[in-house]
């Protein structure tokens, strides 16, 4: 009798495990890669046997920082090859930044402290010895310089892939050919150092605009996204929001390593944050012609990531079966912390994003 009971318990246990495995089967079939266009995505879906599934078909998801491959594919997210940092200026009308671009440049050019900051970016040896009595004291930008220098000091050398392999499907490097300053650096001791450096930069840039209603904050904003059979949570490293109602205009993501090191995992995480943001956004909210800005710093490099969902994407997230639902995320960069030219360009972009956000308050 005892042996029969044991056998039954063993069979029940095996059945439960089998059912659980079927229910939570998130193993990815085939070779995984980040799709650069719709054709890449279609090929990936077919090879991974996910053609008849949607994001609402999943029984289990990973968190934003631990996004599963199957989960990412069913986001229907596309990451075109990265564009150079200087290319964003050609998209300013597309992002509705054209009306505020010149204003941003004027605010920056008329700020003596900001100009002093730029002049010190490539001279960390001076930053360590100047005081408020010196004529080149950068005022509110001084904490930015100190933390940026800590990021650069804690970076370590690393060899890069040959240029011929960069950005190809074979080697999905996110480096850009114009990464001239600090090339070969990767990683820092503590992600909090990178986070402080980036948020301080964003705050100092935003302070050039006379507006108390908005702010960049290091608040780790939580996006809880619920689908038909499961949910996931994505945490940001900061946001640009309106203080009174918490309406988010941009999100911030920081990593201690560079994109070249993190590769697919970072793009999957950022896609999760974009999806979480869209899932929790008001449908009528349009600030940048339907685009969503994710401002990122990875080690000694900053990037601007711009997401654009198709018209039917929100319906897809809500459970409607549509073929034309995609989220395209374009990245611009890198902007290296040790380059005066790069920081000037990044500052104009950030101030323009901020100006556009407050113009719709």
Protein backbone atom coordinates (compact mmCIF):
# COMPACT_ATOMS: atom_id res chain seq x y z
CA UNK A 1 0.00 0.00 0.00
CA UNK A 2 2.80 2.39 0.93
CA UNK A 3 4.63 1.77 -2.33
CA UNK A 4 1.44 2.48 -4.32
CA UNK A 5 0.93 5.78 -2.49
CA UNK A 6 4.51 6.77 -3.12
CA UNK A 7 4.12 5.89 -6.77
CA UNK A 8 0.93 7.98 -7.04
CA UNK A 9 2.58 10.93 -5.31
CA UNK A 10 5.55 10.62 -7.62
CA UNK A 11 3.27 10.53 -10.68
CA UNK A 12 1.29 13.54 -9.42
CA UNK A 13 4.49 15.43 -8.75
CA UNK A 14 5.84 14.63 -12.19
CA UNK A 15 2.57 15.67 -13.80
CA UNK A 16 2.54 18.97 -11.89
CA UNK A 17 6.13 19.69 -12.89
CA UNK A 18 5.34 18.89 -16.52
CA UNK A 19 2.28 21.13 -16.51
CA UNK A 20 4.24 23.89 -14.81
CA UNK A 21 6.99 23.57 -17.37
CA UNK A 22 4.48 23.85 -20.19
CA UNK A 23 2.77 26.83 -18.57
CA UNK A 24 5.99 28.71 -17.90
CA UNK A 25 7.89 27.52 -20.93
CA UNK A 26 10.00 30.57 -21.73
CA UNK A 27 12.94 28.82 -23.31
CA UNK A 28 13.97 30.49 -26.54
CA UNK A 29 14.22 28.38 -29.68
CA UNK A 30 16.84 29.15 -32.28
CA UNK A 31 19.50 31.82 -32.55
CA UNK A 32 18.69 35.15 -30.89
CA UNK A 33 19.62 38.57 -32.24
CA UNK A 34 18.30 42.11 -31.86
CA UNK A 35 16.24 42.91 -35.00
CA UNK A 36 17.35 46.02 -36.88
CA UNK A 37 14.25 46.19 -39.07
CA UNK A 38 10.91 44.47 -39.65
CA UNK A 39 12.40 41.82 -41.90
CA UNK A 40 14.89 40.87 -39.18
CA UNK A 41 12.00 40.65 -36.72
CA UNK A 42 9.88 38.51 -39.06
CA UNK A 43 12.78 36.12 -39.64
CA UNK A 44 13.45 35.95 -35.89
CA UNK A 45 9.81 35.19 -35.08
CA UNK A 46 9.66 32.40 -37.65
CA UNK A 47 12.92 30.77 -36.58
CA UNK A 48 11.96 30.94 -32.90
CA UNK A 49 8.46 29.52 -33.54
CA UNK A 50 6.70 32.57 -32.10
CA UNK A 51 4.77 33.55 -35.22
CA UNK A 52 1.32 32.91 -33.76
CA UNK A 53 1.95 34.44 -30.34
CA UNK A 54 1.64 37.95 -28.91
CA UNK A 55 2.85 39.65 -25.75
CA UNK A 56 -0.48 38.74 -24.16
CA UNK A 57 0.16 35.03 -24.85
CA UNK A 58 2.97 34.80 -22.31
CA UNK A 59 2.44 33.10 -18.96
CA UNK A 60 5.60 34.44 -17.41
CA UNK A 61 7.82 37.50 -17.85
CA UNK A 62 11.08 38.74 -16.45
CA UNK A 63 11.55 42.13 -14.84
CA UNK A 64 12.83 45.01 -16.92
CA UNK A 65 16.45 44.28 -15.99
CA UNK A 66 15.99 40.54 -16.61
CA UNK A 67 13.91 40.59 -19.76
CA UNK A 68 13.50 37.17 -21.34
CA UNK A 69 14.34 36.70 -25.00
CA UNK A 70 10.85 35.48 -25.87
CA UNK A 71 9.39 38.42 -23.98
CA UNK A 72 11.58 40.86 -25.90
CA UNK A 73 10.70 39.38 -29.28
CA UNK A 74 7.00 39.68 -28.51
CA UNK A 75 7.44 43.34 -27.62
CA UNK A 76 7.89 43.65 -31.40
CA UNK A 77 10.71 46.11 -30.69
CA UNK A 78 13.17 47.07 -33.41
CA UNK A 79 16.57 48.67 -32.87
CA UNK A 80 18.01 50.13 -36.11
CA UNK A 81 21.78 50.51 -36.19
CA UNK A 82 22.98 53.41 -34.07
CA UNK A 83 23.38 56.83 -35.63
CA UNK A 84 26.19 59.26 -34.86
CA UNK A 85 25.71 61.79 -32.09
CA UNK A 86 25.72 64.64 -34.62
CA UNK A 87 22.93 63.08 -36.67
CA UNK A 88 20.20 63.97 -34.19
CA UNK A 89 20.17 67.57 -35.41
CA UNK A 90 18.74 66.30 -38.71
CA UNK A 91 15.77 64.81 -36.84
CA UNK A 92 14.90 67.84 -34.73
CA UNK A 93 11.82 68.70 -36.80
CA UNK A 94 10.68 65.07 -36.69
CA UNK A 95 10.91 65.18 -32.88
CA UNK A 96 9.36 68.68 -32.76
CA UNK A 97 12.52 70.15 -31.30
CA UNK A 98 13.09 72.55 -34.19
CA UNK A 99 11.04 75.35 -32.60
CA UNK A 100 13.16 75.31 -29.42
CA UNK A 101 16.58 74.35 -30.77
CA UNK A 102 17.88 77.88 -31.29
CA UNK A 103 16.49 78.95 -27.92
CA UNK A 104 18.43 76.11 -26.29
CA UNK A 105 21.64 77.16 -28.03
CA UNK A 106 21.17 80.79 -26.95
CA UNK A 107 20.56 79.86 -23.31
CA UNK A 108 23.73 77.79 -23.28
CA UNK A 109 25.86 80.39 -25.07
CA UNK A 110 24.73 83.15 -22.70
CA UNK A 111 25.61 81.20 -19.56
CA UNK A 112 29.19 81.96 -18.37
CA UNK A 113 29.15 79.05 -15.92
CA UNK A 114 28.14 76.63 -18.65
CA UNK A 115 30.92 77.89 -20.92
CA UNK A 116 33.40 77.47 -18.06
CA UNK A 117 32.13 73.91 -17.62
CA UNK A 118 32.78 73.13 -21.29
CA UNK A 119 36.28 74.60 -21.09
CA UNK A 120 37.10 72.28 -18.15
CA UNK A 121 35.65 69.03 -19.52
CA UNK A 122 38.96 67.98 -21.05
CA UNK A 123 41.09 69.23 -18.12
CA UNK A 124 40.41 67.13 -15.01
CA UNK A 125 43.79 68.18 -13.60
CA UNK A 126 42.51 71.77 -13.34
CA UNK A 127 39.15 70.74 -11.88
CA UNK A 128 40.92 69.16 -8.93
CA UNK A 129 42.71 72.38 -7.91
CA UNK A 130 40.43 75.34 -8.71
CA UNK A 131 38.30 77.15 -6.14
CA UNK A 132 35.39 79.60 -6.17
CA UNK A 133 37.90 82.46 -6.20
CA UNK A 134 39.15 81.44 -9.64
CA UNK A 135 37.74 83.08 -12.74
CA UNK A 136 36.89 79.79 -14.42
CA UNK A 137 34.87 78.42 -11.50
CA UNK A 138 31.87 76.70 -13.20
CA UNK A 139 29.39 77.27 -10.37
CA UNK A 140 26.55 74.72 -10.37
CA UNK A 141 28.42 72.69 -12.97
CA UNK A 142 31.27 71.91 -10.56
CA UNK A 143 29.57 68.82 -9.04
CA UNK A 144 28.94 67.60 -12.59
CA UNK A 145 32.64 67.83 -13.43
CA UNK A 146 33.68 66.11 -10.21
CA UNK A 147 31.41 63.13 -10.76
CA UNK A 148 32.16 62.90 -14.47
CA UNK A 149 35.86 62.80 -13.62
CA UNK A 150 35.23 60.01 -11.12
CA UNK A 151 33.48 58.03 -13.84
CA UNK A 152 36.42 58.53 -16.22
CA UNK A 153 39.04 57.79 -13.55
CA UNK A 154 37.43 54.45 -12.72
CA UNK A 155 37.24 53.32 -16.33
CA UNK A 156 39.63 50.63 -17.52
CA UNK A 157 41.16 50.02 -20.96
CA UNK A 158 39.63 47.55 -23.35
CA UNK A 159 40.33 46.76 -26.98
CA UNK A 160 37.54 47.37 -29.50
CA UNK A 161 36.28 45.18 -32.32
CA UNK A 162 37.58 45.99 -35.80
CA UNK A 163 35.52 48.75 -37.45
CA UNK A 164 34.42 46.36 -40.19
CA UNK A 165 32.45 44.30 -37.67
CA UNK A 166 30.81 47.14 -35.77
CA UNK A 167 27.05 47.43 -36.06
CA UNK A 168 26.67 44.34 -38.24
CA UNK A 169 24.15 41.63 -37.52
CA UNK A 170 27.08 39.35 -36.87
CA UNK A 171 28.50 41.59 -34.19
CA UNK A 172 25.83 43.85 -32.72
CA UNK A 173 28.23 46.41 -31.26
CA UNK A 174 26.59 49.68 -30.27
CA UNK A 175 29.77 51.70 -30.66
CA UNK A 176 29.86 54.52 -33.14
CA UNK A 177 32.78 55.48 -35.40
CA UNK A 178 32.98 58.94 -33.86
CA UNK A 179 33.79 57.66 -30.37
CA UNK A 180 37.02 59.64 -30.24
CA UNK A 181 37.48 60.57 -26.61
CA UNK A 182 38.04 57.92 -23.98
CA UNK A 183 37.90 55.14 -26.57
CA UNK A 184 38.50 51.73 -25.11
CA UNK A 185 37.18 52.46 -21.64
CA UNK A 186 34.64 50.29 -19.92
CA UNK A 187 33.00 49.96 -16.53
CA UNK A 188 33.30 51.86 -13.26
CA UNK A 189 33.35 50.79 -9.64
CA UNK A 190 29.84 51.80 -8.66
CA UNK A 191 26.77 52.50 -10.78
CA UNK A 192 25.76 55.21 -8.30
CA UNK A 193 28.72 57.29 -9.47
CA UNK A 194 27.49 57.15 -13.06
CA UNK A 195 23.94 57.88 -11.94
CA UNK A 196 25.04 60.93 -9.94
CA UNK A 197 27.17 62.23 -12.83
CA UNK A 198 24.34 61.96 -15.33
CA UNK A 199 21.49 63.29 -13.21
CA UNK A 200 23.64 66.23 -12.07
CA UNK A 201 24.38 67.00 -15.73
CA UNK A 202 20.67 66.85 -16.61
CA UNK A 203 19.74 69.05 -13.64
CA UNK A 204 22.40 71.64 -14.48
CA UNK A 205 21.25 71.77 -18.11
CA UNK A 206 17.60 72.10 -17.08
CA UNK A 207 18.49 74.90 -14.64
CA UNK A 208 19.32 77.09 -17.63
CA UNK A 209 15.57 77.26 -18.26
CA UNK A 210 13.47 79.38 -15.91
CA UNK A 211 10.82 76.84 -14.95
CA UNK A 212 9.95 75.41 -11.53
CA UNK A 213 7.12 73.16 -12.70
CA UNK A 214 9.39 70.45 -14.11
CA UNK A 215 12.50 68.64 -12.94
CA UNK A 216 14.92 65.84 -13.65
CA UNK A 217 14.88 63.57 -10.64
CA UNK A 218 16.91 60.45 -9.76
CA UNK A 219 13.68 58.82 -8.58
CA UNK A 220 13.57 55.16 -9.62
CA UNK A 221 10.16 55.29 -11.24
CA UNK A 222 8.32 51.97 -11.33
CA UNK A 223 6.29 50.91 -14.36
CA UNK A 224 4.00 48.00 -13.55
CA UNK A 225 2.69 46.50 -16.79
CA UNK A 226 -0.15 43.98 -16.62
CA UNK A 227 -1.03 41.74 -19.55
CA UNK A 228 -3.57 38.95 -20.02
CA UNK A 229 -1.82 36.23 -18.03
CA UNK A 230 1.18 37.88 -16.38
CA UNK A 231 2.94 41.16 -15.64
CA UNK A 232 6.38 42.69 -15.34
CA UNK A 233 7.94 45.64 -13.53
CA UNK A 234 10.51 47.98 -15.04
CA UNK A 235 12.45 50.51 -12.95
CA UNK A 236 14.06 53.62 -14.39
CA UNK A 237 17.08 55.43 -12.93
CA UNK A 238 15.33 58.77 -13.18
CA UNK A 239 12.69 60.75 -15.02
CA UNK A 240 11.88 64.19 -16.37
CA UNK A 241 8.44 64.95 -15.02
CA UNK A 242 5.93 67.59 -14.14
CA UNK A 243 6.03 67.99 -10.38
CA UNK A 244 2.34 68.53 -9.66
CA UNK A 245 0.84 65.56 -11.51
CA UNK A 246 3.84 63.28 -12.11
CA UNK A 247 3.36 63.29 -15.89
CA UNK A 248 6.57 61.89 -17.38
CA UNK A 249 8.25 63.60 -20.34
CA UNK A 250 11.43 61.47 -20.55
CA UNK A 251 13.04 58.58 -18.70
CA UNK A 252 16.64 58.05 -17.59
CA UNK A 253 18.63 54.81 -17.61
CA UNK A 254 22.17 54.37 -16.27
CA UNK A 255 24.63 51.47 -16.37
CA UNK A 256 28.17 51.27 -15.05
CA UNK A 257 29.41 49.41 -18.14
CA UNK A 258 29.32 50.59 -21.74
CA UNK A 259 26.90 49.45 -24.44
CA UNK A 260 29.73 47.61 -26.15
CA UNK A 261 30.02 45.43 -23.03
CA UNK A 262 26.33 44.98 -22.25
CA UNK A 263 25.21 44.43 -25.85
CA UNK A 264 21.80 42.73 -26.18
CA UNK A 265 20.89 42.76 -22.49
CA UNK A 266 20.86 46.56 -22.33
CA UNK A 267 18.73 46.96 -25.46
CA UNK A 268 16.27 44.41 -24.07
CA UNK A 269 16.10 46.27 -20.75
CA UNK A 270 15.57 49.64 -22.40
CA UNK A 271 12.85 48.17 -24.61
CA UNK A 272 11.12 46.91 -21.45
CA UNK A 273 11.23 50.39 -19.95
CA UNK A 274 9.80 51.88 -23.14
CA UNK A 275 7.00 49.29 -23.20
CA UNK A 276 6.27 49.87 -19.52
CA UNK A 277 6.14 53.61 -20.07
CA UNK A 278 3.80 53.26 -23.06
CA UNK A 279 1.57 50.83 -21.18
CA UNK A 280 1.19 53.39 -18.39
CA UNK A 281 0.94 56.55 -20.53
CA UNK A 282 -2.15 58.59 -21.18
CA UNK A 283 -3.20 57.93 -24.75
CA UNK A 284 -3.66 61.61 -25.54
CA UNK A 285 -0.21 62.61 -24.37
CA UNK A 286 1.94 63.66 -27.35
CA UNK A 287 5.01 65.78 -26.61
CA UNK A 288 7.51 64.98 -29.33
CA UNK A 289 5.37 64.01 -32.31
CA UNK A 290 4.65 60.64 -30.74
CA UNK A 291 8.27 59.88 -29.84
CA UNK A 292 9.52 58.84 -26.41
CA UNK A 293 12.95 59.92 -25.14
CA UNK A 294 15.17 57.69 -23.04
CA UNK A 295 18.34 59.47 -21.90
CA UNK A 296 21.11 57.06 -21.03
CA UNK A 297 24.62 57.06 -19.65
CA UNK A 298 26.63 53.87 -19.81
CA UNK A 299 29.99 54.25 -18.14
CA UNK A 300 31.79 57.18 -19.78
CA UNK A 301 29.29 57.43 -22.66
CA UNK A 302 25.87 59.06 -22.95
CA UNK A 303 23.24 58.10 -25.51
CA UNK A 304 19.90 59.47 -26.67
CA UNK A 305 17.37 56.71 -27.41
CA UNK A 306 14.14 57.67 -29.16
CA UNK A 307 11.21 55.26 -29.30
CA UNK A 308 8.35 55.55 -31.78
CA UNK A 309 5.39 53.12 -31.66
CA UNK A 310 3.25 52.57 -34.73
CA UNK A 311 -0.36 53.76 -34.62
CA UNK A 312 -1.62 50.27 -33.73
CA UNK A 313 1.02 49.46 -31.09
CA UNK A 314 -1.06 50.45 -28.09
CA UNK A 315 -3.88 48.21 -29.37
CA UNK A 316 -1.38 45.37 -29.60
CA UNK A 317 -0.29 45.86 -25.98
CA UNK A 318 -3.94 45.79 -24.92
CA UNK A 319 -4.55 42.46 -26.64
CA UNK A 320 -5.74 43.28 -30.16
CA UNK A 321 -4.29 41.11 -32.92
CA UNK A 322 -2.67 43.55 -35.37
CA UNK A 323 0.12 42.95 -37.88
CA UNK A 324 1.52 46.47 -38.11
CA UNK A 325 2.32 46.92 -34.41
CA UNK A 326 5.98 47.74 -33.82
CA UNK A 327 8.12 49.84 -31.49
CA UNK A 328 11.16 51.28 -33.23
CA UNK A 329 13.93 52.62 -31.00
CA UNK A 330 16.66 54.71 -32.60
CA UNK A 331 19.82 55.54 -30.66
CA UNK A 332 22.21 58.43 -31.17
CA UNK A 333 25.71 58.51 -29.75
CA UNK A 334 28.00 58.05 -28.06
CA UNK A 335 28.55 61.37 -26.31
CA UNK A 336 31.83 60.89 -24.42
CA UNK A 337 32.20 62.57 -21.03
CA UNK A 338 35.78 63.56 -21.78
CA UNK A 339 34.99 65.54 -24.93
CA UNK A 340 34.07 69.24 -24.86
CA UNK A 341 32.44 68.97 -28.29
CA UNK A 342 30.33 65.99 -27.24
CA UNK A 343 29.15 67.64 -24.04
CA UNK A 344 28.18 70.81 -25.92
CA UNK A 345 26.08 68.78 -28.32
CA UNK A 346 24.48 66.76 -25.53
CA UNK A 347 23.67 69.89 -23.55
CA UNK A 348 21.81 71.47 -26.49
CA UNK A 349 19.76 68.30 -26.97
CA UNK A 350 18.84 68.04 -23.28
CA UNK A 351 17.85 71.71 -23.01
CA UNK A 352 15.78 71.41 -26.20
CA UNK A 353 13.98 68.34 -24.83
CA UNK A 354 13.31 70.23 -21.60
CA UNK A 355 12.05 73.34 -23.41
CA UNK A 356 9.69 71.29 -25.54
CA UNK A 357 8.36 69.50 -22.46
CA UNK A 358 7.50 72.69 -20.60
CA UNK A 359 5.97 74.31 -23.69
CA UNK A 360 3.15 71.78 -23.43
CA UNK A 361 2.50 72.21 -19.71
